[in-house]
């Protein structure tokens, strides 16, 4: 989960599924610099995720180490919502 708190909160998904009505605490939290607009897990490396912030930053995180391993600044973007394959974005990222 992510949002205006500028934190990515990671929960034990199996525990949530096993007892969905119970109150669950995050296993860990990752602090970000700005409000978070999106979070996505790496489908090939389970301990890595990326997030984008409202300040135009995209970060790659190593969740097991709880640290950012790469950070980019988005300079411009274009969003296409009429694609045959669905919605996609085209952006230019500059390593910072």
N, C-alpha and C. Protein backbone atom coordinates (compact mmCIF):
# COMPACT_ATOMS: atom_id res chain seq x y z
N UNK A 1 0.84 -1.18 0.00
CA UNK A 1 0.00 0.00 0.00
C UNK A 1 0.88 1.24 0.00
N UNK A 2 0.38 2.28 -0.61
CA UNK A 2 1.13 3.53 -0.67
C UNK A 2 0.15 4.69 -0.75
N UNK A 3 0.65 5.90 -0.56
CA UNK A 3 -0.24 7.04 -0.65
C UNK A 3 0.37 8.33 -0.18
N UNK A 4 -0.49 9.20 0.37
CA UNK A 4 -0.06 10.54 0.75
C UNK A 4 0.87 10.56 1.95
N UNK A 5 0.99 9.47 2.67
CA UNK A 5 1.86 9.41 3.84
C UNK A 5 3.34 9.33 3.46
N UNK A 6 3.64 9.23 2.17
CA UNK A 6 5.02 9.14 1.66
C UNK A 6 5.72 7.88 2.14
N UNK A 7 4.94 6.82 2.36
CA UNK A 7 5.50 5.53 2.81
C UNK A 7 4.90 4.40 1.99
N UNK A 8 5.74 3.43 1.68
CA UNK A 8 5.26 2.18 1.11
C UNK A 8 5.19 1.21 2.27
N UNK A 9 4.01 0.68 2.53
CA UNK A 9 3.82 -0.26 3.63
C UNK A 9 3.64 -1.66 3.05
N UNK A 10 4.46 -2.58 3.54
CA UNK A 10 4.44 -3.95 3.04
C UNK A 10 3.84 -4.88 4.08
N UNK A 11 2.85 -5.65 3.66
CA UNK A 11 2.14 -6.57 4.54
C UNK A 11 2.39 -8.01 4.13
N UNK A 12 2.22 -8.93 5.07
CA UNK A 12 2.29 -10.36 4.78
C UNK A 12 0.96 -10.75 4.12
N UNK A 13 0.98 -10.93 2.82
CA UNK A 13 -0.23 -11.20 2.05
C UNK A 13 -0.91 -12.49 2.49
N UNK A 14 -0.12 -13.51 2.83
CA UNK A 14 -0.71 -14.79 3.29
C UNK A 14 -1.49 -14.60 4.58
N UNK A 15 -0.98 -13.79 5.49
CA UNK A 15 -1.68 -13.54 6.76
C UNK A 15 -2.98 -12.78 6.52
N UNK A 16 -2.95 -11.83 5.59
CA UNK A 16 -4.16 -11.07 5.28
C UNK A 16 -5.22 -11.99 4.67
N UNK A 17 -4.81 -12.88 3.77
CA UNK A 17 -5.75 -13.83 3.17
C UNK A 17 -6.29 -14.82 4.19
N UNK A 18 -5.44 -15.26 5.11
CA UNK A 18 -5.85 -16.24 6.11
C UNK A 18 -6.86 -15.66 7.09
N UNK A 19 -6.74 -14.39 7.40
CA UNK A 19 -7.64 -13.75 8.36
C UNK A 19 -7.95 -12.33 7.88
N UNK A 20 -8.80 -12.19 6.88
CA UNK A 20 -9.03 -10.88 6.26
C UNK A 20 -9.72 -9.85 7.15
N UNK A 21 -10.41 -10.27 8.19
CA UNK A 21 -11.12 -9.32 9.05
C UNK A 21 -10.26 -8.81 10.20
N UNK A 22 -9.11 -9.42 10.42
CA UNK A 22 -8.22 -9.00 11.51
C UNK A 22 -7.47 -7.73 11.12
N UNK A 23 -6.98 -7.01 12.13
CA UNK A 23 -6.15 -5.83 11.88
C UNK A 23 -4.73 -6.30 11.64
N UNK A 24 -4.13 -5.89 10.54
CA UNK A 24 -2.77 -6.32 10.19
C UNK A 24 -1.82 -5.12 10.21
N UNK A 25 -0.64 -5.35 10.77
CA UNK A 25 0.39 -4.33 10.82
C UNK A 25 1.38 -4.56 9.68
N UNK A 26 1.96 -3.51 9.13
CA UNK A 26 2.95 -3.71 8.07
C UNK A 26 4.18 -4.44 8.59
N UNK A 27 4.72 -5.33 7.75
CA UNK A 27 5.96 -6.02 8.10
C UNK A 27 7.13 -5.04 8.06
N UNK A 28 7.08 -4.13 7.11
CA UNK A 28 8.11 -3.11 6.97
C UNK A 28 7.52 -1.91 6.24
N UNK A 29 8.20 -0.78 6.35
CA UNK A 29 7.78 0.44 5.67
C UNK A 29 8.99 1.07 5.00
N UNK A 30 8.77 1.61 3.81
CA UNK A 30 9.83 2.29 3.08
C UNK A 30 9.44 3.76 2.97
N UNK A 31 10.30 4.63 3.44
CA UNK A 31 10.04 6.07 3.42
C UNK A 31 10.42 6.65 2.06
N UNK A 32 9.52 7.44 1.47
CA UNK A 32 9.77 8.11 0.20
C UNK A 32 9.80 9.62 0.41
N UNK A 33 10.32 10.34 -0.57
CA UNK A 33 10.49 11.79 -0.44
C UNK A 33 9.22 12.57 -0.73
N UNK A 34 8.30 12.01 -1.51
CA UNK A 34 7.09 12.73 -1.90
C UNK A 34 5.90 11.78 -1.90
N UNK A 35 4.70 12.33 -2.11
CA UNK A 35 3.51 11.48 -2.20
C UNK A 35 3.70 10.48 -3.33
N UNK A 36 3.25 9.27 -3.10
CA UNK A 36 3.47 8.17 -4.03
C UNK A 36 2.31 8.08 -5.00
N UNK A 37 2.63 7.97 -6.29
CA UNK A 37 1.58 7.86 -7.30
C UNK A 37 1.38 6.44 -7.80
N UNK A 38 2.41 5.58 -7.70
CA UNK A 38 2.29 4.21 -8.19
C UNK A 38 3.37 3.33 -7.57
N UNK A 39 3.04 2.06 -7.38
CA UNK A 39 3.99 1.06 -6.89
C UNK A 39 3.81 -0.19 -7.73
N UNK A 40 4.92 -0.83 -8.09
CA UNK A 40 4.83 -2.05 -8.90
C UNK A 40 5.94 -3.01 -8.50
N UNK A 41 5.57 -4.28 -8.28
CA UNK A 41 6.55 -5.32 -7.97
C UNK A 41 7.24 -5.76 -9.25
N UNK A 42 8.51 -6.13 -9.14
CA UNK A 42 9.24 -6.72 -10.25
C UNK A 42 8.77 -8.16 -10.39
N UNK A 43 8.22 -8.57 -11.55
CA UNK A 43 7.70 -9.93 -11.69
C UNK A 43 8.79 -11.00 -11.72
N UNK A 44 10.05 -10.61 -11.92
CA UNK A 44 11.14 -11.58 -12.03
C UNK A 44 12.03 -11.63 -10.79
N UNK A 45 12.03 -10.60 -10.00
CA UNK A 45 12.87 -10.53 -8.80
C UNK A 45 11.98 -10.12 -7.64
N UNK A 46 11.61 -11.07 -6.79
CA UNK A 46 10.58 -10.85 -5.77
C UNK A 46 10.94 -9.84 -4.70
N UNK A 47 12.20 -9.52 -4.54
CA UNK A 47 12.57 -8.56 -3.50
C UNK A 47 12.74 -7.14 -4.04
N UNK A 48 12.31 -6.90 -5.29
CA UNK A 48 12.46 -5.57 -5.87
C UNK A 48 11.11 -4.99 -6.29
N UNK A 49 10.95 -3.70 -6.03
CA UNK A 49 9.77 -2.99 -6.51
C UNK A 49 10.18 -1.60 -6.95
N UNK A 50 9.29 -0.97 -7.69
CA UNK A 50 9.53 0.41 -8.12
C UNK A 50 8.36 1.27 -7.69
N UNK A 51 8.63 2.54 -7.54
CA UNK A 51 7.55 3.48 -7.25
C UNK A 51 7.79 4.78 -7.98
N UNK A 52 6.71 5.48 -8.24
CA UNK A 52 6.80 6.83 -8.80
C UNK A 52 6.17 7.79 -7.80
N UNK A 53 6.76 8.98 -7.73
CA UNK A 53 6.29 10.01 -6.80
C UNK A 53 5.66 11.16 -7.58
N UNK A 54 4.91 11.98 -6.88
CA UNK A 54 4.30 13.15 -7.50
C UNK A 54 5.33 14.23 -7.84
N UNK A 55 6.55 14.11 -7.34
CA UNK A 55 7.59 15.08 -7.70
C UNK A 55 8.33 14.69 -8.97
N UNK A 56 7.91 13.60 -9.63
CA UNK A 56 8.51 13.17 -10.88
C UNK A 56 9.67 12.21 -10.72
N UNK A 57 9.83 11.61 -9.56
CA UNK A 57 10.90 10.67 -9.30
C UNK A 57 10.40 9.24 -9.44
N UNK A 58 11.22 8.38 -10.05
CA UNK A 58 10.97 6.94 -10.10
C UNK A 58 12.13 6.27 -9.38
N UNK A 59 11.81 5.38 -8.42
CA UNK A 59 12.86 4.70 -7.67
C UNK A 59 12.69 3.19 -7.77
N UNK A 60 13.81 2.50 -7.79
CA UNK A 60 13.85 1.04 -7.73
C UNK A 60 14.34 0.69 -6.33
N UNK A 61 13.60 -0.18 -5.64
CA UNK A 61 13.90 -0.53 -4.25
C UNK A 61 14.29 -1.99 -4.10
N UNK A 62 15.28 -2.25 -3.25
CA UNK A 62 15.58 -3.60 -2.77
C UNK A 62 14.85 -3.72 -1.44
N UNK A 63 13.74 -4.44 -1.44
CA UNK A 63 12.89 -4.53 -0.25
C UNK A 63 13.60 -5.26 0.88
N UNK A 64 14.37 -6.30 0.56
CA UNK A 64 15.05 -7.05 1.62
C UNK A 64 16.07 -6.18 2.36
N UNK A 65 16.71 -5.26 1.65
CA UNK A 65 17.67 -4.35 2.28
C UNK A 65 17.02 -3.03 2.70
N UNK A 66 15.77 -2.81 2.29
CA UNK A 66 15.02 -1.58 2.58
C UNK A 66 15.78 -0.33 2.15
N UNK A 67 16.29 -0.36 0.92
CA UNK A 67 17.02 0.80 0.41
C UNK A 67 16.77 0.98 -1.09
N UNK A 68 16.89 2.20 -1.52
CA UNK A 68 16.76 2.53 -2.93
C UNK A 68 18.05 2.15 -3.65
N UNK A 69 17.93 1.42 -4.75
CA UNK A 69 19.14 1.02 -5.49
C UNK A 69 19.32 1.83 -6.77
N UNK A 70 18.26 2.49 -7.23
CA UNK A 70 18.36 3.34 -8.42
C UNK A 70 17.27 4.40 -8.35
N UNK A 71 17.60 5.60 -8.78
CA UNK A 71 16.65 6.71 -8.73
C UNK A 71 16.72 7.47 -10.05
N UNK A 72 15.56 7.80 -10.60
CA UNK A 72 15.48 8.52 -11.86
C UNK A 72 14.58 9.74 -11.69
N UNK A 73 14.84 10.75 -12.50
CA UNK A 73 13.97 11.92 -12.56
C UNK A 73 13.27 11.90 -13.92
N UNK A 74 11.96 11.99 -13.91
CA UNK A 74 11.17 12.01 -15.14
C UNK A 74 11.13 13.44 -15.66
N UNK A 75 11.59 13.65 -16.88
CA UNK A 75 11.61 14.99 -17.46
C UNK A 75 10.35 15.31 -18.25
N UNK A 76 9.81 14.32 -18.93
CA UNK A 76 8.60 14.55 -19.71
C UNK A 76 7.86 13.23 -19.84
N UNK A 77 6.60 13.30 -20.13
CA UNK A 77 5.82 12.08 -20.26
C UNK A 77 4.64 12.26 -21.19
N UNK A 78 4.19 11.14 -21.74
CA UNK A 78 3.04 11.12 -22.62
C UNK A 78 2.25 9.87 -22.30
N UNK A 79 0.98 10.01 -22.11
CA UNK A 79 0.14 8.86 -21.76
C UNK A 79 -0.84 8.60 -22.89
N UNK A 80 -0.87 7.36 -23.35
CA UNK A 80 -1.76 6.97 -24.43
C UNK A 80 -2.82 6.04 -23.86
N UNK A 81 -4.08 6.45 -23.92
CA UNK A 81 -5.16 5.62 -23.37
C UNK A 81 -5.97 4.94 -24.46
N UNK A 82 -5.56 5.09 -25.74
CA UNK A 82 -6.32 4.49 -26.83
C UNK A 82 -5.52 3.42 -27.56
N UNK A 83 -4.66 2.74 -26.87
CA UNK A 83 -3.84 1.69 -27.46
C UNK A 83 -4.64 0.40 -27.58
N UNK A 84 -4.29 -0.41 -28.58
CA UNK A 84 -4.92 -1.72 -28.75
C UNK A 84 -4.56 -2.67 -27.61
N UNK A 85 -3.41 -2.45 -27.00
CA UNK A 85 -2.96 -3.33 -25.91
C UNK A 85 -3.28 -2.76 -24.54
N UNK A 86 -4.04 -1.70 -24.48
CA UNK A 86 -4.38 -1.09 -23.20
C UNK A 86 -3.65 0.22 -23.01
N UNK A 87 -3.58 0.62 -21.78
CA UNK A 87 -2.99 1.91 -21.44
C UNK A 87 -1.49 1.76 -21.25
N UNK A 88 -0.72 2.68 -21.82
CA UNK A 88 0.72 2.66 -21.59
C UNK A 88 1.25 4.08 -21.53
N UNK A 89 2.44 4.21 -20.99
CA UNK A 89 3.05 5.53 -20.86
C UNK A 89 4.41 5.53 -21.52
N UNK A 90 4.81 6.66 -22.02
CA UNK A 90 6.12 6.85 -22.60
C UNK A 90 6.78 8.00 -21.85
N UNK A 91 7.92 7.74 -21.21
CA UNK A 91 8.57 8.78 -20.43
C UNK A 91 10.07 8.79 -20.69
N UNK A 92 10.71 9.91 -20.38
CA UNK A 92 12.16 10.01 -20.46
C UNK A 92 12.68 10.06 -19.02
N UNK A 93 13.58 9.13 -18.68
CA UNK A 93 14.13 9.07 -17.33
C UNK A 93 15.61 9.43 -17.36
N UNK A 94 16.02 10.25 -16.42
CA UNK A 94 17.41 10.66 -16.28
C UNK A 94 17.91 10.15 -14.93
N UNK A 95 18.99 9.32 -14.89
CA UNK A 95 19.52 8.87 -13.60
C UNK A 95 19.99 10.06 -12.76
N UNK A 96 19.68 10.02 -11.47
CA UNK A 96 20.12 11.09 -10.57
C UNK A 96 20.84 10.51 -9.38
